[in-house]
Amino acid sequence: MQRISLEALARQQLEAAARSGGGRAADTVYGGHEKVLRQTVIALTQGSTLAEHESPGDATLLVLRGRVRLTAGEEGWEGRDGDLIIIPETRHAVEALEDSTFLLTVAKR
């Protein structure tokens, strides 16, 4: 068994995002290409985005710190610390409304 501090990992990723030219950083904490389930801690600095993309399967976004906005077409959802957003199975994008970290969980098809 392995124990991971999401709080510590979120802090590390936010520091890495602040140093990066693109304002984002990520670390997959479980899964990957060989697993069905994948969990990734993603950090975005304020104003940074994950451009519109397809969903690879069932997915959720758990806001660990900050405030983000997920948009899919004309619809949008805002999340803050502790909020869980169920990601629609359509093209969508994520924008950091302030420095933010979130846990992205995907069950690939």
PDB file of N, CA and C in Angstrom:
ATOM      1  N   MET A   1       0.846  -1.180   0.000  1.00  0.00           N
ATOM      2  CA  MET A   1       0.000   0.000   0.000  1.00  0.00           C
ATOM      3  C   MET A   1       0.888   1.238   0.000  1.00  0.00           C
ATOM      4  N   GLN A   2       0.406   2.249  -0.655  1.00  0.00           N
ATOM      5  CA  GLN A   2       1.139   3.507  -0.738  1.00  0.00           C
ATOM      6  C   GLN A   2       0.223   4.630  -0.282  1.00  0.00           C
ATOM      7  N   ARG A   3       0.762   5.562   0.492  1.00  0.00           N
ATOM      8  CA  ARG A   3      -0.007   6.717   0.956  1.00  0.00           C
ATOM      9  C   ARG A   3       0.596   7.970   0.324  1.00  0.00           C
ATOM     10  N   ILE A   4      -0.280   8.819  -0.205  1.00  0.00           N
ATOM     11  CA  ILE A   4       0.165  10.048  -0.873  1.00  0.00           C
ATOM     12  C   ILE A   4      -0.554  11.228  -0.247  1.00  0.00           C
ATOM     13  N   SER A   5       0.181  12.261   0.094  1.00  0.00           N
ATOM     14  CA  SER A   5      -0.425  13.490   0.603  1.00  0.00           C
ATOM     15  C   SER A   5      -0.805  14.365  -0.590  1.00  0.00           C
ATOM     16  N   LEU A   6      -2.106  14.439  -0.866  1.00  0.00           N
ATOM     17  CA  LEU A   6      -2.561  15.288  -1.971  1.00  0.00           C
ATOM     18  C   LEU A   6      -2.268  16.756  -1.690  1.00  0.00           C
ATOM     19  N   GLU A   7      -2.332  17.137  -0.415  1.00  0.00           N
ATOM     20  CA  GLU A   7      -2.056  18.525  -0.049  1.00  0.00           C
ATOM     21  C   GLU A   7      -0.610  18.894  -0.384  1.00  0.00           C
ATOM     22  N   ALA A   8       0.327  18.028  -0.019  1.00  0.00           N
ATOM     23  CA  ALA A   8       1.741  18.297  -0.312  1.00  0.00           C
ATOM     24  C   ALA A   8       1.999  18.265  -1.812  1.00  0.00           C
ATOM     25  N   LEU A   9       1.418  17.289  -2.498  1.00  0.00           N
ATOM     26  CA  LEU A   9       1.608  17.185  -3.946  1.00  0.00           C
ATOM     27  C   LEU A   9       1.004  18.388  -4.667  1.00  0.00           C
ATOM     28  N   ALA A  10      -0.143  18.842  -4.205  1.00  0.00           N
ATOM     29  CA  ALA A  10      -0.777  20.026  -4.803  1.00  0.00           C
ATOM     30  C   ALA A  10       0.117  21.249  -4.635  1.00  0.00           C
ATOM     31  N   ARG A  11       0.702  21.404  -3.457  1.00  0.00           N
ATOM     32  CA  ARG A  11       1.595  22.534  -3.199  1.00  0.00           C
ATOM     33  C   ARG A  11       2.814  22.464  -4.128  1.00  0.00           C
ATOM     34  N   GLN A  12       3.409  21.275  -4.260  1.00  0.00           N
ATOM     35  CA  GLN A  12       4.570  21.102  -5.139  1.00  0.00           C
ATOM     36  C   GLN A  12       4.224  21.413  -6.593  1.00  0.00           C
ATOM     37  N   GLN A  13       3.072  20.949  -7.050  1.00  0.00           N
ATOM     38  CA  GLN A  13       2.679  21.168  -8.438  1.00  0.00           C
ATOM     39  C   GLN A  13       2.375  22.640  -8.707  1.00  0.00           C
ATOM     40  N   LEU A  14       1.800  23.328  -7.727  1.00  0.00           N
ATOM     41  CA  LEU A  14       1.525  24.755  -7.907  1.00  0.00           C
ATOM     42  C   LEU A  14       2.826  25.540  -7.986  1.00  0.00           C
ATOM     43  N   GLU A  15       3.817  25.151  -7.194  1.00  0.00           N
ATOM     44  CA  GLU A  15       5.132  25.793  -7.281  1.00  0.00           C
ATOM     45  C   GLU A  15       5.764  25.536  -8.646  1.00  0.00           C
ATOM     46  N   ALA A  16       5.627  24.306  -9.145  1.00  0.00           N
ATOM     47  CA  ALA A  16       6.163  23.968 -10.467  1.00  0.00           C
ATOM     48  C   ALA A  16       5.438  24.741 -11.564  1.00  0.00           C
ATOM     49  N   ALA A  17       4.131  24.896 -11.436  1.00  0.00           N
ATOM     50  CA  ALA A  17       3.351  25.638 -12.432  1.00  0.00           C
ATOM     51  C   ALA A  17       3.781  27.104 -12.470  1.00  0.00           C
ATOM     52  N   ALA A  18       4.065  27.668 -11.297  1.00  0.00           N
ATOM     53  CA  ALA A  18       4.497  29.071 -11.228  1.00  0.00           C
ATOM     54  C   ALA A  18       5.850  29.256 -11.916  1.00  0.00           C
ATOM     55  N   ARG A  19       6.696  28.229 -11.883  1.00  0.00           N
ATOM     56  CA  ARG A  19       8.019  28.305 -12.524  1.00  0.00           C
ATOM     57  C   ARG A  19       7.960  28.017 -14.020  1.00  0.00           C
ATOM     58  N   SER A  20       6.907  27.332 -14.449  1.00  0.00           N
ATOM     59  CA  SER A  20       6.838  26.929 -15.861  1.00  0.00           C
ATOM     60  C   SER A  20       6.382  28.088 -16.735  1.00  0.00           C
ATOM     61  N   GLY A  21       6.747  28.034 -17.989  1.00  0.00           N
ATOM     62  CA  GLY A  21       6.335  29.077 -18.919  1.00  0.00           C
ATOM     63  C   GLY A  21       4.852  29.042 -19.237  1.00  0.00           C
ATOM     64  N   GLY A  22       4.236  27.877 -19.138  1.00  0.00           N
ATOM     65  CA  GLY A  22       2.823  27.733 -19.488  1.00  0.00           C
ATOM     66  C   GLY A  22       1.865  27.880 -18.333  1.00  0.00           C
ATOM     67  N   GLY A  23       2.384  28.019 -17.112  1.00  0.00           N
ATOM     68  CA  GLY A  23       1.510  28.207 -15.959  1.00  0.00           C
ATOM     69  C   GLY A  23       0.777  26.951 -15.531  1.00  0.00           C
ATOM     70  N   ARG A  24       1.332  25.779 -15.866  1.00  0.00           N
ATOM     71  CA  ARG A  24       0.671  24.550 -15.432  1.00  0.00           C
ATOM     72  C   ARG A  24       1.697  23.453 -15.180  1.00  0.00           C
ATOM     73  N   ALA A  25       1.289  22.511 -14.337  1.00  0.00           N
ATOM     74  CA  ALA A  25       2.113  21.353 -14.014  1.00  0.00           C
ATOM     75  C   ALA A  25       1.175  20.229 -13.606  1.00  0.00           C
ATOM     76  N   ALA A  26       1.637  18.988 -13.763  1.00  0.00           N
ATOM     77  CA  ALA A  26       0.790  17.846 -13.428  1.00  0.00           C
ATOM     78  C   ALA A  26       1.648  16.660 -13.017  1.00  0.00           C
ATOM     79  N   ASP A  27       1.058  15.800 -12.169  1.00  0.00           N
ATOM     80  CA  ASP A  27       1.717  14.565 -11.753  1.00  0.00           C
ATOM     81  C   ASP A  27       0.648  13.490 -11.608  1.00  0.00           C
ATOM     82  N   THR A  28       0.784  12.409 -12.354  1.00  0.00           N
ATOM     83  CA  THR A  28      -0.150  11.293 -12.245  1.00  0.00           C
ATOM     84  C   THR A  28       0.203  10.508 -10.990  1.00  0.00           C
ATOM     85  N   VAL A  29      -0.753  10.413 -10.065  1.00  0.00           N
ATOM     86  CA  VAL A  29      -0.504   9.739  -8.797  1.00  0.00           C
ATOM     87  C   VAL A  29      -0.947   8.285  -8.817  1.00  0.00           C
ATOM     88  N   TYR A  30      -1.824   7.942  -9.746  1.00  0.00           N
ATOM     89  CA  TYR A  30      -2.244   6.554  -9.878  1.00  0.00           C
ATOM     90  C   TYR A  30      -2.633   6.280 -11.325  1.00  0.00           C
ATOM     91  N   GLY A  31      -2.276   5.097 -11.785  1.00  0.00           N
ATOM     92  CA  GLY A  31      -2.680   4.681 -13.128  1.00  0.00           C
ATOM     93  C   GLY A  31      -1.721   5.170 -14.180  1.00  0.00           C
ATOM     94  N   GLY A  32      -2.260   5.356 -15.336  1.00  0.00           N
ATOM     95  CA  GLY A  32      -1.462   5.733 -16.495  1.00  0.00           C
ATOM     96  C   GLY A  32      -2.042   5.044 -17.705  1.00  0.00           C
ATOM     97  N   HIS A  33      -1.257   4.898 -18.723  1.00  0.00           N
ATOM     98  CA  HIS A  33      -1.745   4.312 -19.973  1.00  0.00           C
ATOM     99  C   HIS A  33      -2.118   2.839 -19.829  1.00  0.00           C
ATOM    100  N   GLU A  34      -1.501   2.140 -18.887  1.00  0.00           N
ATOM    101  CA  GLU A  34      -1.760   0.711 -18.744  1.00  0.00           C
ATOM    102  C   GLU A  34      -2.938   0.390 -17.819  1.00  0.00           C
ATOM    103  N   LYS A  35      -3.515   1.374 -17.172  1.00  0.00           N
ATOM    104  CA  LYS A  35      -4.625   1.164 -16.228  1.00  0.00           C
ATOM    105  C   LYS A  35      -5.904   1.797 -16.765  1.00  0.00           C
ATOM    106  N   VAL A  36      -7.046   1.321 -16.276  1.00  0.00           N
ATOM    107  CA  VAL A  36      -8.331   1.923 -16.631  1.00  0.00           C
ATOM    108  C   VAL A  36      -8.523   3.218 -15.859  1.00  0.00           C
ATOM    109  N   LEU A  37      -8.164   3.207 -14.568  1.00  0.00           N
ATOM    110  CA  LEU A  37      -8.329   4.382 -13.712  1.00  0.00           C
ATOM    111  C   LEU A  37      -7.037   5.184 -13.699  1.00  0.00           C
ATOM    112  N   ARG A  38      -7.177   6.504 -13.849  1.00  0.00           N
ATOM    113  CA  ARG A  38      -6.014   7.392 -13.785  1.00  0.00           C
ATOM    114  C   ARG A  38      -6.380   8.594 -12.930  1.00  0.00           C
ATOM    115  N   GLN A  39      -5.503   8.936 -11.973  1.00  0.00           N
ATOM    116  CA  GLN A  39      -5.714  10.109 -11.132  1.00  0.00           C
ATOM    117  C   GLN A  39      -4.484  10.994 -11.231  1.00  0.00           C
ATOM    118  N   THR A  40      -4.723  12.254 -11.540  1.00  0.00           N
ATOM    119  CA  THR A  40      -3.641  13.203 -11.777  1.00  0.00           C
ATOM    120  C   THR A  40      -3.902  14.483 -11.007  1.00  0.00           C
ATOM    121  N   VAL A  41      -2.886  14.963 -10.290  1.00  0.00           N
ATOM    122  CA  VAL A  41      -2.968  16.274  -9.644  1.00  0.00           C
ATOM    123  C   VAL A  41      -2.464  17.294 -10.667  1.00  0.00           C
ATOM    124  N   ILE A  42      -3.309  18.270 -10.958  1.00  0.00           N
ATOM    125  CA  ILE A  42      -2.987  19.304 -11.945  1.00  0.00           C
ATOM    126  C   ILE A  42      -2.998  20.659 -11.255  1.00  0.00           C
ATOM    127  N   ALA A  43      -2.014  21.477 -11.559  1.00  0.00           N
ATOM    128  CA  ALA A  43      -1.934  22.840 -11.034  1.00  0.00           C
ATOM    129  C   ALA A  43      -1.955  23.820 -12.191  1.00  0.00           C
ATOM    130  N   LEU A  44      -2.743  24.879 -12.026  1.00  0.00           N
ATOM    131  CA  LEU A  44      -2.808  25.958 -13.009  1.00  0.00           C
ATOM    132  C   LEU A  44      -2.679  27.284 -12.277  1.00  0.00           C
ATOM    133  N   THR A  45      -1.833  28.165 -12.791  1.00  0.00           N
ATOM    134  CA  THR A  45      -1.773  29.500 -12.215  1.00  0.00           C
ATOM    135  C   THR A  45      -2.950  30.317 -12.749  1.00  0.00           C
ATOM    136  N   GLN A  46      -3.286  31.378 -12.048  1.00  0.00           N
ATOM    137  CA  GLN A  46      -4.437  32.208 -12.422  1.00  0.00           C
ATOM    138  C   GLN A  46      -4.366  32.593 -13.898  1.00  0.00           C
ATOM    139  N   GLY A  47      -5.469  32.352 -14.610  1.00  0.00           N
ATOM    140  CA  GLY A  47      -5.570  32.698 -16.021  1.00  0.00           C
ATOM    141  C   GLY A  47      -5.108  31.593 -16.966  1.00  0.00           C
ATOM    142  N   SER A  48      -4.424  30.581 -16.439  1.00  0.00           N
ATOM    143  CA  SER A  48      -3.976  29.465 -17.280  1.00  0.00           C
ATOM    144  C   SER A  48      -5.154  28.547 -17.584  1.00  0.00           C
ATOM    145  N   THR A  49      -5.048  27.820 -18.691  1.00  0.00           N
ATOM    146  CA  THR A  49      -6.147  26.950 -19.098  1.00  0.00           C
ATOM    147  C   THR A  49      -5.650  25.592 -19.571  1.00  0.00           C
ATOM    148  N   LEU A  50      -6.556  24.645 -19.532  1.00  0.00           N
ATOM    149  CA  LEU A  50      -6.418  23.409 -20.286  1.00  0.00           C
ATOM    150  C   LEU A  50      -7.360  23.617 -21.459  1.00  0.00           C
ATOM    151  N   ALA A  51      -6.827  23.744 -22.641  1.00  0.00           N
ATOM    152  CA  ALA A  51      -7.630  24.050 -23.827  1.00  0.00           C
ATOM    153  C   ALA A  51      -8.707  22.992 -24.038  1.00  0.00           C
ATOM    154  N   GLU A  52      -9.704  23.356 -24.803  1.00  0.00           N
ATOM    155  CA  GLU A  52     -10.814  22.451 -25.077  1.00  0.00           C
ATOM    156  C   GLU A  52     -10.302  21.123 -25.628  1.00  0.00           C
ATOM    157  N   HIS A  53     -10.847  20.040 -25.076  1.00  0.00           N
ATOM    158  CA  HIS A  53     -10.417  18.701 -25.463  1.00  0.00           C
ATOM    159  C   HIS A  53     -11.539  17.703 -25.216  1.00  0.00           C
ATOM    160  N   GLU A  54     -11.395  16.522 -25.803  1.00  0.00           N
ATOM    161  CA  GLU A  54     -12.368  15.439 -25.615  1.00  0.00           C
ATOM    162  C   GLU A  54     -12.115  14.762 -24.277  1.00  0.00           C
ATOM    163  N   SER A  55     -13.147  14.165 -23.712  1.00  0.00           N
ATOM    164  CA  SER A  55     -13.004  13.377 -22.501  1.00  0.00           C
ATOM    165  C   SER A  55     -12.708  11.936 -22.891  1.00  0.00           C
ATOM    166  N   PRO A  56     -11.659  11.336 -22.299  1.00  0.00           N
ATOM    167  CA  PRO A  56     -11.318   9.966 -22.661  1.00  0.00           C
ATOM    168  C   PRO A  56     -12.194   8.913 -21.971  1.00  0.00           C
ATOM    169  N   GLY A  57     -13.099   9.348 -21.104  1.00  0.00           N
ATOM    170  CA  GLY A  57     -13.964   8.414 -20.373  1.00  0.00           C
ATOM    171  C   GLY A  57     -14.685   9.144 -19.260  1.00  0.00           C
ATOM    172  N   ASP A  58     -15.277   8.382 -18.348  1.00  0.00           N
ATOM    173  CA  ASP A  58     -15.924   8.990 -17.187  1.00  0.00           C
ATOM    174  C   ASP A  58     -14.867   9.752 -16.398  1.00  0.00           C
ATOM    175  N   ALA A  59     -15.206  10.986 -15.977  1.00  0.00           N
ATOM    176  CA  ALA A  59     -14.196  11.806 -15.316  1.00  0.00           C
ATOM    177  C   ALA A  59     -14.818  12.756 -14.298  1.00  0.00           C
ATOM    178  N   THR A  60     -14.031  13.036 -13.248  1.00  0.00           N
ATOM    179  CA  THR A  60     -14.405  14.034 -12.256  1.00  0.00           C
ATOM    180  C   THR A  60     -13.217  14.939 -11.980  1.00  0.00           C
ATOM    181  N   LEU A  61     -13.516  16.108 -11.475  1.00  0.00           N
ATOM    182  CA  LEU A  61     -12.502  17.084 -11.112  1.00  0.00           C
ATOM    183  C   LEU A  61     -12.798  17.497  -9.672  1.00  0.00           C
ATOM    184  N   LEU A  62     -11.864  17.239  -8.749  1.00  0.00           N
ATOM    185  CA  LEU A  62     -12.008  17.615  -7.345  1.00  0.00           C
ATOM    186  C   LEU A  62     -11.070  18.778  -7.083  1.00  0.00           C
ATOM    187  N   VAL A  63     -11.622  19.947  -6.768  1.00  0.00           N
ATOM    188  CA  VAL A  63     -10.799  21.129  -6.517  1.00  0.00           C
ATOM    189  C   VAL A  63     -10.136  20.978  -5.151  1.00  0.00           C
ATOM    190  N   LEU A  64      -8.811  20.973  -5.150  1.00  0.00           N
ATOM    191  CA  LEU A  64      -8.046  20.869  -3.911  1.00  0.00           C
ATOM    192  C   LEU A  64      -7.782  22.241  -3.313  1.00  0.00           C
ATOM    193  N   ARG A  65      -7.508  23.202  -4.194  1.00  0.00           N
ATOM    194  CA  ARG A  65      -7.193  24.560  -3.744  1.00  0.00           C
ATOM    195  C   ARG A  65      -7.506  25.529  -4.876  1.00  0.00           C
ATOM    196  N   GLY A  66      -8.094  26.662  -4.553  1.00  0.00           N
ATOM    197  CA  GLY A  66      -8.328  27.698  -5.547  1.00  0.00           C
ATOM    198  C   GLY A  66      -9.733  27.687  -6.116  1.00  0.00           C
ATOM    199  N   ARG A  67      -9.827  28.185  -7.338  1.00  0.00           N
ATOM    200  CA  ARG A  67     -11.127  28.322  -8.004  1.00  0.00           C
ATOM    201  C   ARG A  67     -10.924  28.112  -9.492  1.00  0.00           C
ATOM    202  N   VAL A  68     -11.717  27.202 -10.071  1.00  0.00           N
ATOM    203  CA  VAL A  68     -11.615  26.894 -11.494  1.00  0.00           C
ATOM    204  C   VAL A  68     -12.985  26.977 -12.144  1.00  0.00           C
ATOM    205  N   ARG A  69     -12.966  27.103 -13.462  1.00  0.00           N
ATOM    206  CA  ARG A  69     -14.206  27.094 -14.238  1.00  0.00           C
ATOM    207  C   ARG A  69     -14.047  26.066 -15.341  1.00  0.00           C
ATOM    208  N   LEU A  70     -14.986  25.116 -15.384  1.00  0.00           N
ATOM    209  CA  LEU A  70     -15.028  24.121 -16.445  1.00  0.00           C
ATOM    210  C   LEU A  70     -16.139  24.541 -17.393  1.00  0.00           C
ATOM    211  N   THR A  71     -15.836  24.585 -18.689  1.00  0.00           N
ATOM    212  CA  THR A  71     -16.849  24.939 -19.678  1.00  0.00           C
ATOM    213  C   THR A  71     -16.975  23.822 -20.704  1.00  0.00           C
ATOM    214  N   ALA A  72     -18.211  23.622 -21.141  1.00  0.00           N
ATOM    215  CA  ALA A  72     -18.511  22.654 -22.198  1.00  0.00           C
ATOM    216  C   ALA A  72     -19.586  23.301 -23.060  1.00  0.00           C
ATOM    217  N   GLY A  73     -19.184  23.769 -24.224  1.00  0.00           N
ATOM    218  CA  GLY A  73     -20.127  24.489 -25.077  1.00  0.00           C
ATOM    219  C   GLY A  73     -20.569  25.776 -24.398  1.00  0.00           C
ATOM    220  N   GLU A  74     -21.870  25.964 -24.291  1.00  0.00           N
ATOM    221  CA  GLU A  74     -22.426  27.169 -23.667  1.00  0.00           C
ATOM    222  C   GLU A  74     -22.550  27.046 -22.152  1.00  0.00           C
ATOM    223  N   GLU A  75     -22.334  25.845 -21.611  1.00  0.00           N
ATOM    224  CA  GLU A  75     -22.491  25.625 -20.176  1.00  0.00           C
ATOM    225  C   GLU A  75     -21.164  25.781 -19.454  1.00  0.00           C
ATOM    226  N   GLY A  76     -21.253  26.177 -18.181  1.00  0.00           N
ATOM    227  CA  GLY A  76     -20.061  26.319 -17.364  1.00  0.00           C
ATOM    228  C   GLY A  76     -20.360  26.029 -15.906  1.00  0.00           C
ATOM    229  N   TRP A  77     -19.349  25.531 -15.209  1.00  0.00           N
ATOM    230  CA  TRP A  77     -19.466  25.215 -13.798  1.00  0.00           C
ATOM    231  C   TRP A  77     -18.239  25.754 -13.099  1.00  0.00           C
ATOM    232  N   GLU A  78     -18.440  26.407 -11.967  1.00  0.00           N
ATOM    233  CA  GLU A  78     -17.335  26.932 -11.196  1.00  0.00           C
ATOM    234  C   GLU A  78     -17.164  26.076  -9.950  1.00  0.00           C
ATOM    235  N   GLY A  79     -15.913  25.783  -9.610  1.00  0.00           N
ATOM    236  CA  GLY A  79     -15.623  24.989  -8.420  1.00  0.00           C
ATOM    237  C   GLY A  79     -14.593  25.663  -7.552  1.00  0.00           C
ATOM    238  N   ARG A  80     -14.767  25.470  -6.246  1.00  0.00           N
ATOM    239  CA  ARG A  80     -13.842  25.999  -5.235  1.00  0.00           C
ATOM    240  C   ARG A  80     -13.328  24.854  -4.375  1.00  0.00           C
ATOM    241  N   ASP A  81     -12.460  25.164  -3.428  1.00  0.00           N
ATOM    242  CA  ASP A  81     -11.892  24.154  -2.530  1.00  0.00           C
ATOM    243  C   ASP A  81     -12.950  23.138  -2.104  1.00  0.00           C
ATOM    244  N   GLY A  82     -12.663  21.868  -2.360  1.00  0.00           N
ATOM    245  CA  GLY A  82     -13.543  20.801  -1.917  1.00  0.00           C
ATOM    246  C   GLY A  82     -14.688  20.454  -2.840  1.00  0.00           C
ATOM    247  N   ASP A  83     -14.915  21.230  -3.890  1.00  0.00           N
ATOM    248  CA  ASP A  83     -16.014  20.949  -4.824  1.00  0.00           C
ATOM    249  C   ASP A  83     -15.624  19.841  -5.797  1.00  0.00           C
ATOM    250  N   LEU A  84     -16.592  18.982  -6.091  1.00  0.00           N
ATOM    251  CA  LEU A  84     -16.414  17.918  -7.068  1.00  0.00           C
ATOM    252  C   LEU A  84     -17.277  18.240  -8.280  1.00  0.00           C
ATOM    253  N   ILE A  85     -16.664  18.309  -9.446  1.00  0.00           N
ATOM    254  CA  ILE A  85     -17.378  18.585 -10.693  1.00  0.00           C
ATOM    255  C   ILE A  85     -17.345  17.324 -11.542  1.00  0.00           C
ATOM    256  N   ILE A  86     -18.505  16.879 -11.956  1.00  0.00           N
ATOM    257  CA  ILE A  86     -18.576  15.735 -12.857  1.00  0.00           C
ATOM    258  C   ILE A  86     -18.400  16.268 -14.274  1.00  0.00           C
ATOM    259  N   ILE A  87     -17.390  15.785 -14.954  1.00  0.00           N
ATOM    260  CA  ILE A  87     -17.041  16.302 -16.271  1.00  0.00           C
ATOM    261  C   ILE A  87     -17.947  15.676 -17.321  1.00  0.00           C
ATOM    262  N   PRO A  88     -18.586  16.509 -18.145  1.00  0.00           N
ATOM    263  CA  PRO A  88     -19.469  15.959 -19.185  1.00  0.00           C
ATOM    264  C   PRO A  88     -18.663  15.211 -20.246  1.00  0.00           C
ATOM    265  N   GLU A  89     -19.317  14.301 -20.925  1.00  0.00           N
ATOM    266  CA  GLU A  89     -18.644  13.499 -21.961  1.00  0.00           C
ATOM    267  C   GLU A  89     -18.643  14.227 -23.302  1.00  0.00           C
ATOM    268  N   THR A  90     -18.451  15.528 -23.258  1.00  0.00           N
ATOM    269  CA  THR A  90     -18.351  16.354 -24.459  1.00  0.00           C
ATOM    270  C   THR A  90     -17.046  17.137 -24.385  1.00  0.00           C
ATOM    271  N   ARG A  91     -16.728  17.840 -25.457  1.00  0.00           N
ATOM    272  CA  ARG A  91     -15.533  18.687 -25.444  1.00  0.00           C
ATOM    273  C   ARG A  91     -15.669  19.695 -24.318  1.00  0.00           C
ATOM    274  N   HIS A  92     -14.576  19.924 -23.615  1.00  0.00           N
ATOM    275  CA  HIS A  92     -14.612  20.839 -22.477  1.00  0.00           C
ATOM    276  C   HIS A  92     -13.233  21.463 -22.271  1.00  0.00           C
ATOM    277  N   ALA A  93     -13.200  22.512 -21.461  1.00  0.00           N
ATOM    278  CA  ALA A  93     -11.962  23.213 -21.131  1.00  0.00           C
ATOM    279  C   ALA A  93     -12.002  23.590 -19.658  1.00  0.00           C
ATOM    280  N   VAL A  94     -10.824  23.856 -19.084  1.00  0.00           N
ATOM    281  CA  VAL A  94     -10.723  24.268 -17.685  1.00  0.00           C
ATOM    282  C   VAL A  94      -9.872  25.529 -17.620  1.00  0.00           C
ATOM    283  N   GLU A  95     -10.340  26.508 -16.849  1.00  0.00           N
ATOM    284  CA  GLU A  95      -9.599  27.753 -16.645  1.00  0.00           C
ATOM    285  C   GLU A  95      -9.428  27.987 -15.151  1.00  0.00           C
ATOM    286  N   ALA A  96      -8.234  28.414 -14.744  1.00  0.00           N
ATOM    287  CA  ALA A  96      -7.979  28.764 -13.348  1.00  0.00           C
ATOM    288  C   ALA A  96      -8.378  30.219 -13.130  1.00  0.00           C
ATOM    289  N   LEU A  97      -9.361  30.441 -12.278  1.00  0.00           N
ATOM    290  CA  LEU A  97      -9.795  31.795 -11.950  1.00  0.00           C
ATOM    291  C   LEU A  97      -8.879  32.419 -10.903  1.00  0.00           C
ATOM    292  N   GLU A  98      -8.127  31.574 -10.213  1.00  0.00           N
ATOM    293  CA  GLU A  98      -7.039  31.966  -9.319  1.00  0.00           C
ATOM    294  C   GLU A  98      -6.070  30.788  -9.300  1.00  0.00           C
ATOM    295  N   ASP A  99      -4.898  30.950  -8.688  1.00  0.00           N
ATOM    296  CA  ASP A  99      -3.968  29.832  -8.613  1.00  0.00           C
ATOM    297  C   ASP A  99      -4.712  28.635  -8.030  1.00  0.00           C
ATOM    298  N   SER A 100      -4.676  27.497  -8.724  1.00  0.00           N
ATOM    299  CA  SER A 100      -5.528  26.365  -8.355  1.00  0.00           C
ATOM    300  C   SER A 100      -4.843  25.032  -8.572  1.00  0.00           C
ATOM    301  N   THR A 101      -5.298  24.048  -7.784  1.00  0.00           N
ATOM    302  CA  THR A 101      -4.899  22.657  -7.988  1.00  0.00           C
ATOM    303  C   THR A 101      -6.155  21.800  -7.912  1.00  0.00           C
ATOM    304  N   PHE A 102      -6.151  20.724  -8.688  1.00  0.00           N
ATOM    305  CA  PHE A 102      -7.295  19.813  -8.639  1.00  0.00           C
ATOM    306  C   PHE A 102      -6.845  18.396  -8.948  1.00  0.00           C
ATOM    307  N   LEU A 103      -7.654  17.455  -8.477  1.00  0.00           N
ATOM    308  CA  LEU A 103      -7.417  16.042  -8.743  1.00  0.00           C
ATOM    309  C   LEU A 103      -8.357  15.638  -9.857  1.00  0.00           C
ATOM    310  N   LEU A 104      -7.786  15.267 -10.989  1.00  0.00           N
ATOM    311  CA  LEU A 104      -8.548  14.795 -12.125  1.00  0.00           C
ATOM    312  C   LEU A 104      -8.563  13.270 -12.074  1.00  0.00           C
ATOM    313  N   THR A 105      -9.764  12.689 -12.028  1.00  0.00           N
ATOM    314  CA  THR A 105      -9.920  11.239 -12.004  1.00  0.00           C
ATOM    315  C   THR A 105     -10.628  10.830 -13.287  1.00  0.00           C
ATOM    316  N   VAL A 106     -10.021   9.904 -14.029  1.00  0.00           N
ATOM    317  CA  VAL A 106     -10.577   9.453 -15.298  1.00  0.00           C
ATOM    318  C   VAL A 106     -10.616   7.923 -15.299  1.00  0.00           C
ATOM    319  N   ALA A 107     -11.767   7.375 -15.676  1.00  0.00           N
ATOM    320  CA  ALA A 107     -11.883   5.942 -15.934  1.00  0.00           C
ATOM    321  C   ALA A 107     -11.998   5.815 -17.453  1.00  0.00           C
ATOM    322  N   LYS A 108     -10.907   5.384 -18.082  1.00  0.00           N
ATOM    323  CA  LYS A 108     -10.855   5.334 -19.538  1.00  0.00           C
ATOM    324  C   LYS A 108     -11.789   4.255 -20.087  1.00  0.00           C
ATOM    325  N   ARG A 109     -12.300   4.500 -21.249  1.00  0.00           N
ATOM    326  CA  ARG A 109     -13.196   3.546 -21.922  1.00  0.00           C
ATOM    327  C   ARG A 109     -12.404   2.395 -22.489  1.00  0.00           C
TER     328      ARG A 109
END
